[in-house]
Amino acid sequence: CDSVAEVALVEATKSGDARAWNNLAVYYAKSGNNAKAVECLNKVDNSLANVLNNNYALVYAAEGNVAKAEGYAANASAETKALVAAAKGDYAAAAQTLKSGYNAAIVNLQNGNLAAAKQCIASDMSAKADYLRAVIACKEGDVKGAKAQLNSAVSKDASLKAKAAQDVNLAALK
């Protein structure tokens, strides 16, 4: 356990507060520890039913259990429903809800709508958006633009260099 998780765990245990357990679950999910996330979500009472449905759906979708994710998504937010639809491969349904942002760009990329994908991340200057712009540029045949976007992404997050080396979407850059 790192210090953030330890502090959150102490708070959740001492207070019994549903929000503390939920926050700890979100922390674990973002850290990629879905089993711990579910364990914490199981300790949240129904006072946060809407939040729980969203979080269970997203955790189960992230671990590839789409059937279980769908069960929770039925009572989740529209964005969560769209993300679960994308996890199922139903990008057209997801695109109906997700109109902007990184997830919307991914959905549009999967639908083959590169112009819409670029538009969705036009104002996002993060490393992951630059990386996605590099992928889009490769798909458009713009190797020079792809190299520039990938260089920008790697300058912001050096770990993306290793990812790019393995990414078939960036094969034109090798």
C-alpha atoms as a PDB file:
ATOM      1  CA  CYS A   1       0.000   0.000   0.000  1.00  0.00           C
ATOM      2  CA  ASP A   2       1.335   3.438  -0.757  1.00  0.00           C
ATOM      3  CA  SER A   3       0.719   6.415   1.488  1.00  0.00           C
ATOM      4  CA  VAL A   4      -2.313   7.729  -0.449  1.00  0.00           C
ATOM      5  CA  ALA A   5      -4.069   4.378  -0.200  1.00  0.00           C
ATOM      6  CA  GLU A   6      -3.079   3.963   3.440  1.00  0.00           C
ATOM      7  CA  VAL A   7      -4.531   7.361   4.389  1.00  0.00           C
ATOM      8  CA  ALA A   8      -7.735   6.662   2.463  1.00  0.00           C
ATOM      9  CA  LEU A   9      -8.039   3.198   3.997  1.00  0.00           C
ATOM     10  CA  VAL A  10      -7.639   4.571   7.511  1.00  0.00           C
ATOM     11  CA  GLU A  11     -10.260   7.248   6.812  1.00  0.00           C
ATOM     12  CA  ALA A  12     -12.706   4.747   5.312  1.00  0.00           C
ATOM     13  CA  THR A  13     -12.234   2.271   8.145  1.00  0.00           C
ATOM     14  CA  LYS A  14     -12.501   4.855  10.925  1.00  0.00           C
ATOM     15  CA  SER A  15     -15.452   6.762   9.579  1.00  0.00           C
ATOM     16  CA  GLY A  16     -17.378   4.012   7.820  1.00  0.00           C
ATOM     17  CA  ASP A  17     -18.235   6.778   5.357  1.00  0.00           C
ATOM     18  CA  ALA A  18     -19.491   5.457   2.032  1.00  0.00           C
ATOM     19  CA  ARG A  19     -17.725   8.288   0.196  1.00  0.00           C
ATOM     20  CA  ALA A  20     -14.373   7.333   1.721  1.00  0.00           C
ATOM     21  CA  TRP A  21     -14.761   3.715   0.588  1.00  0.00           C
ATOM     22  CA  ASN A  22     -15.862   4.900  -2.854  1.00  0.00           C
ATOM     23  CA  ASN A  23     -12.885   7.252  -3.129  1.00  0.00           C
ATOM     24  CA  LEU A  24     -10.541   4.445  -2.171  1.00  0.00           C
ATOM     25  CA  ALA A  25     -12.180   2.240  -4.826  1.00  0.00           C
ATOM     26  CA  VAL A  26     -11.635   4.941  -7.451  1.00  0.00           C
ATOM     27  CA  TYR A  27      -8.000   5.224  -6.388  1.00  0.00           C
ATOM     28  CA  TYR A  28      -7.493   1.468  -6.756  1.00  0.00           C
ATOM     29  CA  ALA A  29      -9.283   1.402 -10.123  1.00  0.00           C
ATOM     30  CA  LYS A  30      -7.087   4.193 -11.457  1.00  0.00           C
ATOM     31  CA  SER A  31      -4.058   2.281 -10.195  1.00  0.00           C
ATOM     32  CA  GLY A  32      -5.206  -0.764 -12.162  1.00  0.00           C
ATOM     33  CA  ASN A  33      -6.056  -2.813  -9.085  1.00  0.00           C
ATOM     34  CA  ASN A  34      -9.627  -3.717 -10.022  1.00  0.00           C
ATOM     35  CA  ALA A  35      -9.927  -6.494  -7.440  1.00  0.00           C
ATOM     36  CA  LYS A  36      -9.180  -4.050  -4.616  1.00  0.00           C
ATOM     37  CA  ALA A  37     -11.534  -1.513  -6.207  1.00  0.00           C
ATOM     38  CA  VAL A  38     -14.409  -4.013  -6.171  1.00  0.00           C
ATOM     39  CA  GLU A  39     -13.536  -4.993  -2.601  1.00  0.00           C
ATOM     40  CA  CYS A  40     -13.905  -1.350  -1.534  1.00  0.00           C
ATOM     41  CA  LEU A  41     -17.080  -0.801  -3.586  1.00  0.00           C
ATOM     42  CA  ASN A  42     -18.609  -3.787  -1.802  1.00  0.00           C
ATOM     43  CA  LYS A  43     -18.269  -1.824   1.455  1.00  0.00           C
ATOM     44  CA  VAL A  44     -20.250   1.161   0.177  1.00  0.00           C
ATOM     45  CA  ASP A  45     -23.865   1.289   1.263  1.00  0.00           C
ATOM     46  CA  ASN A  46     -26.704   2.161  -1.101  1.00  0.00           C
ATOM     47  CA  SER A  47     -26.628   5.839  -0.164  1.00  0.00           C
ATOM     48  CA  LEU A  48     -24.372   6.227  -3.194  1.00  0.00           C
ATOM     49  CA  ALA A  49     -26.334   3.905  -5.506  1.00  0.00           C
ATOM     50  CA  ASN A  50     -25.854   6.017  -8.658  1.00  0.00           C
ATOM     51  CA  VAL A  51     -22.135   6.408  -8.034  1.00  0.00           C
ATOM     52  CA  LEU A  52     -21.815   2.698  -7.272  1.00  0.00           C
ATOM     53  CA  ASN A  53     -23.500   1.696 -10.519  1.00  0.00           C
ATOM     54  CA  ASN A  54     -21.116   3.921 -12.479  1.00  0.00           C
ATOM     55  CA  ASN A  55     -18.033   2.688 -10.676  1.00  0.00           C
ATOM     56  CA  TYR A  56     -18.914  -1.012 -10.774  1.00  0.00           C
ATOM     57  CA  ALA A  57     -19.714  -0.720 -14.494  1.00  0.00           C
ATOM     58  CA  LEU A  58     -16.433   1.027 -15.249  1.00  0.00           C
ATOM     59  CA  VAL A  59     -14.324  -1.351 -13.150  1.00  0.00           C
ATOM     60  CA  TYR A  60     -15.874  -4.438 -14.717  1.00  0.00           C
ATOM     61  CA  ALA A  61     -15.557  -2.957 -18.223  1.00  0.00           C
ATOM     62  CA  ALA A  62     -11.889  -2.181 -17.551  1.00  0.00           C
ATOM     63  CA  GLU A  63     -11.201  -5.774 -16.590  1.00  0.00           C
ATOM     64  CA  GLY A  64     -13.070  -7.056 -19.648  1.00  0.00           C
ATOM     65  CA  ASN A  65     -16.164  -8.401 -17.895  1.00  0.00           C
ATOM     66  CA  VAL A  66     -18.570  -6.601 -20.221  1.00  0.00           C
ATOM     67  CA  ALA A  67     -21.601  -8.690 -19.261  1.00  0.00           C
ATOM     68  CA  LYS A  68     -21.233  -7.745 -15.623  1.00  0.00           C
ATOM     69  CA  ALA A  69     -20.500  -4.130 -16.598  1.00  0.00           C
ATOM     70  CA  GLU A  70     -23.721  -3.994 -18.626  1.00  0.00           C
ATOM     71  CA  GLY A  71     -25.753  -5.070 -15.612  1.00  0.00           C
ATOM     72  CA  TYR A  72     -24.508  -2.071 -13.635  1.00  0.00           C
ATOM     73  CA  ALA A  73     -24.577   0.290 -16.617  1.00  0.00           C
ATOM     74  CA  ALA A  74     -28.336  -0.145 -16.920  1.00  0.00           C
ATOM     75  CA  ASN A  75     -28.665   2.149 -13.882  1.00  0.00           C
ATOM     76  CA  ALA A  76     -25.616   4.298 -14.538  1.00  0.00           C
ATOM     77  CA  SER A  77     -25.001   7.655 -16.189  1.00  0.00           C
ATOM     78  CA  ALA A  78     -25.284   8.121 -19.938  1.00  0.00           C
ATOM     79  CA  GLU A  79     -21.514   8.504 -20.218  1.00  0.00           C
ATOM     80  CA  THR A  80     -20.925   5.239 -18.370  1.00  0.00           C
ATOM     81  CA  LYS A  81     -23.470   3.494 -20.612  1.00  0.00           C
ATOM     82  CA  ALA A  82     -21.573   4.834 -23.627  1.00  0.00           C
ATOM     83  CA  LEU A  83     -18.235   3.629 -22.281  1.00  0.00           C
ATOM     84  CA  VAL A  84     -19.662   0.159 -21.650  1.00  0.00           C
ATOM     85  CA  ALA A  85     -21.106   0.170 -25.189  1.00  0.00           C
ATOM     86  CA  ALA A  86     -17.605   0.978 -26.463  1.00  0.00           C
ATOM     87  CA  ALA A  87     -16.180  -1.859 -24.368  1.00  0.00           C
ATOM     88  CA  LYS A  88     -18.652  -4.155 -26.164  1.00  0.00           C
ATOM     89  CA  GLY A  89     -17.437  -2.829 -29.488  1.00  0.00           C
ATOM     90  CA  ASP A  90     -20.634  -0.881 -30.180  1.00  0.00           C
ATOM     91  CA  TYR A  91     -18.831   2.329 -31.107  1.00  0.00           C
ATOM     92  CA  ALA A  92     -21.791   3.752 -33.012  1.00  0.00           C
ATOM     93  CA  ALA A  93     -23.947   3.661 -29.866  1.00  0.00           C
ATOM     94  CA  ALA A  94     -21.125   5.150 -27.804  1.00  0.00           C
ATOM     95  CA  ALA A  95     -20.643   7.974 -30.307  1.00  0.00           C
ATOM     96  CA  GLN A  96     -24.294   8.971 -29.868  1.00  0.00           C
ATOM     97  CA  THR A  97     -23.548  10.000 -26.272  1.00  0.00           C
ATOM     98  CA  LEU A  98     -19.863  10.881 -26.155  1.00  0.00           C
ATOM     99  CA  LYS A  99     -19.465  14.148 -28.056  1.00  0.00           C
ATOM    100  CA  SER A 100     -16.143  15.515 -26.825  1.00  0.00           C
ATOM    101  CA  GLY A 101     -13.058  14.571 -24.907  1.00  0.00           C
ATOM    102  CA  TYR A 102     -10.561  11.756 -25.080  1.00  0.00           C
ATOM    103  CA  ASN A 103     -13.078   8.896 -24.798  1.00  0.00           C
ATOM    104  CA  ALA A 104     -15.197  10.424 -27.560  1.00  0.00           C
ATOM    105  CA  ALA A 105     -12.086  10.673 -29.736  1.00  0.00           C
ATOM    106  CA  ILE A 106     -11.326   6.982 -29.190  1.00  0.00           C
ATOM    107  CA  VAL A 107     -14.893   6.031 -30.097  1.00  0.00           C
ATOM    108  CA  ASN A 108     -14.779   8.109 -33.272  1.00  0.00           C
ATOM    109  CA  LEU A 109     -11.384   6.680 -34.173  1.00  0.00           C
ATOM    110  CA  GLN A 110     -12.822   3.174 -33.802  1.00  0.00           C
ATOM    111  CA  ASN A 111     -15.739   4.215 -36.025  1.00  0.00           C
ATOM    112  CA  GLY A 112     -13.256   5.423 -38.647  1.00  0.00           C
ATOM    113  CA  ASN A 113     -14.337   9.050 -38.269  1.00  0.00           C
ATOM    114  CA  LEU A 114     -10.886  10.622 -38.006  1.00  0.00           C
ATOM    115  CA  ALA A 115     -12.123  14.200 -38.433  1.00  0.00           C
ATOM    116  CA  ALA A 116     -14.529  13.800 -35.515  1.00  0.00           C
ATOM    117  CA  ALA A 117     -11.816  12.145 -33.422  1.00  0.00           C
ATOM    118  CA  LYS A 118      -9.495  15.122 -33.985  1.00  0.00           C
ATOM    119  CA  GLN A 119     -12.279  17.560 -33.156  1.00  0.00           C
ATOM    120  CA  CYS A 120     -13.002  15.778 -29.860  1.00  0.00           C
ATOM    121  CA  ILE A 121      -9.459  16.382 -28.589  1.00  0.00           C
ATOM    122  CA  ALA A 122      -8.796  19.717 -30.293  1.00  0.00           C
ATOM    123  CA  SER A 123      -8.394  21.572 -26.995  1.00  0.00           C
ATOM    124  CA  ASP A 124      -6.729  18.716 -25.076  1.00  0.00           C
ATOM    125  CA  MET A 125      -2.998  19.327 -24.798  1.00  0.00           C
ATOM    126  CA  SER A 126      -2.230  16.235 -22.694  1.00  0.00           C
ATOM    127  CA  ALA A 127       0.349  13.615 -23.595  1.00  0.00           C
ATOM    128  CA  LYS A 128      -2.334  11.019 -24.271  1.00  0.00           C
ATOM    129  CA  ALA A 129      -4.166  13.390 -26.646  1.00  0.00           C
ATOM    130  CA  ASP A 130      -0.909  14.099 -28.508  1.00  0.00           C
ATOM    131  CA  TYR A 131      -0.317  10.357 -28.752  1.00  0.00           C
ATOM    132  CA  LEU A 132      -3.817   9.857 -30.141  1.00  0.00           C
ATOM    133  CA  ARG A 133      -3.227  12.680 -32.639  1.00  0.00           C
ATOM    134  CA  ALA A 134      -0.088  10.786 -33.751  1.00  0.00           C
ATOM    135  CA  VAL A 135      -2.186   7.656 -34.346  1.00  0.00           C
ATOM    136  CA  ILE A 136      -4.760   9.666 -36.289  1.00  0.00           C
ATOM    137  CA  ALA A 137      -2.035  11.315 -38.385  1.00  0.00           C
ATOM    138  CA  CYS A 138      -0.606   7.872 -39.231  1.00  0.00           C
ATOM    139  CA  LYS A 139      -4.029   6.667 -40.306  1.00  0.00           C
ATOM    140  CA  GLU A 140      -4.306   9.755 -42.523  1.00  0.00           C
ATOM    141  CA  GLY A 141      -0.876   9.073 -44.026  1.00  0.00           C
ATOM    142  CA  ASP A 142       0.695  12.178 -42.459  1.00  0.00           C
ATOM    143  CA  VAL A 143       3.987  10.697 -41.221  1.00  0.00           C
ATOM    144  CA  LYS A 144       5.581  14.095 -40.568  1.00  0.00           C
ATOM    145  CA  GLY A 145       2.600  15.219 -38.473  1.00  0.00           C
ATOM    146  CA  ALA A 146       2.530  11.891 -36.644  1.00  0.00           C
ATOM    147  CA  LYS A 147       6.222  12.208 -35.720  1.00  0.00           C
ATOM    148  CA  ALA A 148       5.659  15.728 -34.395  1.00  0.00           C
ATOM    149  CA  GLN A 149       2.667  14.651 -32.299  1.00  0.00           C
ATOM    150  CA  LEU A 150       4.491  11.598 -30.955  1.00  0.00           C
ATOM    151  CA  ASN A 151       7.529  13.713 -30.048  1.00  0.00           C
ATOM    152  CA  SER A 152       5.216  16.088 -28.192  1.00  0.00           C
ATOM    153  CA  ALA A 153       3.537  13.193 -26.375  1.00  0.00           C
ATOM    154  CA  VAL A 154       6.853  11.633 -25.347  1.00  0.00           C
ATOM    155  CA  SER A 155       8.204  14.993 -24.155  1.00  0.00           C
ATOM    156  CA  LYS A 156       5.220  15.164 -21.774  1.00  0.00           C
ATOM    157  CA  ASP A 157       5.257  11.485 -20.743  1.00  0.00           C
ATOM    158  CA  ALA A 158       8.440   9.531 -21.446  1.00  0.00           C
ATOM    159  CA  SER A 159       6.686   6.195 -20.843  1.00  0.00           C
ATOM    160  CA  LEU A 160       4.844   6.646 -24.135  1.00  0.00           C
ATOM    161  CA  LYS A 161       8.063   5.992 -26.062  1.00  0.00           C
ATOM    162  CA  ALA A 162       8.005   2.304 -25.104  1.00  0.00           C
ATOM    163  CA  LYS A 163       4.289   2.092 -25.880  1.00  0.00           C
ATOM    164  CA  ALA A 164       4.826   3.647 -29.306  1.00  0.00           C
ATOM    165  CA  ALA A 165       7.555   1.141 -30.128  1.00  0.00           C
ATOM    166  CA  GLN A 166       4.972  -1.662 -29.810  1.00  0.00           C
ATOM    167  CA  ASP A 167       1.949   0.155 -31.274  1.00  0.00           C
ATOM    168  CA  VAL A 168       0.888  -1.234 -34.662  1.00  0.00           C
ATOM    169  CA  ASN A 169      -1.006   1.997 -35.280  1.00  0.00           C
ATOM    170  CA  LEU A 170       2.321   3.807 -35.437  1.00  0.00           C
ATOM    171  CA  ALA A 171       4.072   1.263 -37.683  1.00  0.00           C
ATOM    172  CA  ALA A 172       4.582   3.909 -40.390  1.00  0.00           C
ATOM    173  CA  LEU A 173       6.976   5.712 -38.029  1.00  0.00           C
ATOM    174  CA  LYS A 174       9.362   2.753 -37.698  1.00  0.00           C
END
